[in-house]
Amino acid sequence: PRNKIVGYYSDMYKLEFAQPKFAMFKRCLARVQAEHFVGEMGWSERRAVELGAQVLRGNVESVFYRENA
């Protein structure tokens, strides 16, 4: 489900590896969204961008920054 995906890499054991790996994840996510969701499934670009924002930020906030935690 779309609310279970977060941009995470298990081999990121040094802080300086975070930015390039996250950049790679964003590029892959953008390509999949453009080709599959917009191109093949007919989603609007706005809907695809909303999914990207949820995956890149919203899911992380809901999983790791819960107020009741």
Protein backbone atom coordinates (compact mmCIF):
# COMPACT_ATOMS: atom_id res chain seq x y z
CA PRO A 1 0.00 0.00 0.00
CA ARG A 2 1.08 3.55 -0.71
CA ASN A 3 1.24 4.43 2.99
CA LYS A 4 3.83 1.70 3.69
CA ILE A 5 6.62 2.92 1.35
CA VAL A 6 9.52 5.00 2.67
CA GLY A 7 12.80 5.97 1.00
CA TYR A 8 15.16 3.77 3.01
CA TYR A 9 18.41 2.01 2.19
CA SER A 10 19.68 -0.64 4.58
CA ASP A 11 23.32 -0.33 3.45
CA MET A 12 23.49 3.37 4.35
CA TYR A 13 25.92 2.94 7.24
CA LYS A 14 27.67 6.30 6.86
CA LEU A 15 25.95 9.67 6.91
CA GLU A 16 27.66 10.88 3.73
CA PHE A 17 25.96 8.04 1.80
CA ALA A 18 22.48 9.37 2.59
CA GLN A 19 22.23 12.19 0.04
CA PRO A 20 23.34 10.25 -3.08
CA LYS A 21 21.17 7.27 -2.18
CA PHE A 22 18.15 9.45 -1.52
CA ALA A 23 18.75 11.29 -4.81
CA MET A 24 18.85 7.93 -6.61
CA PHE A 25 15.60 6.87 -4.91
CA LYS A 26 13.90 10.12 -5.99
CA ARG A 27 15.02 9.63 -9.62
CA CYS A 28 13.74 6.04 -9.66
CA LEU A 29 10.45 7.07 -8.05
CA ALA A 30 9.98 9.89 -10.58
CA ARG A 31 10.66 7.55 -13.52
CA VAL A 32 8.22 4.92 -12.25
CA GLN A 33 5.57 7.54 -11.63
CA ALA A 34 6.00 9.11 -15.07
CA GLU A 35 6.12 5.85 -17.01
CA HIS A 36 3.67 3.69 -15.08
CA PHE A 37 1.22 5.88 -13.21
CA VAL A 38 0.97 8.83 -15.62
CA GLY A 39 1.85 7.08 -18.88
CA GLU A 40 0.20 3.69 -18.51
CA MET A 41 -2.49 4.22 -15.87
CA GLY A 42 -3.52 7.71 -16.98
CA TRP A 43 -3.01 9.46 -13.65
CA SER A 44 -2.74 13.24 -13.69
CA GLU A 45 0.66 14.72 -12.96
CA ARG A 46 -0.81 16.29 -9.83
CA ARG A 47 -1.91 12.89 -8.50
CA ALA A 48 1.54 11.44 -9.18
CA VAL A 49 3.22 14.37 -7.40
CA GLU A 50 0.92 13.87 -4.41
CA LEU A 51 1.94 10.20 -4.27
CA GLY A 52 5.61 11.24 -4.44
CA ALA A 53 5.16 13.69 -1.59
CA GLN A 54 3.45 11.02 0.49
CA VAL A 55 6.20 8.48 -0.17
CA LEU A 56 9.09 10.92 0.34
CA ARG A 57 7.78 12.84 3.34
CA GLY A 58 4.28 12.00 4.52
CA ASN A 59 4.87 8.32 5.23
CA VAL A 60 8.10 9.06 7.07
CA GLU A 61 6.31 11.55 9.29
CA SER A 62 3.43 9.21 10.03
CA VAL A 63 5.71 6.24 10.80
CA PHE A 64 8.53 7.93 12.71
CA TYR A 65 7.08 11.14 14.16
CA ARG A 66 3.82 10.09 15.75
CA GLU A 67 2.68 12.46 18.50
CA ASN A 68 1.67 9.61 20.80
CA ALA A 69 5.02 7.83 20.51
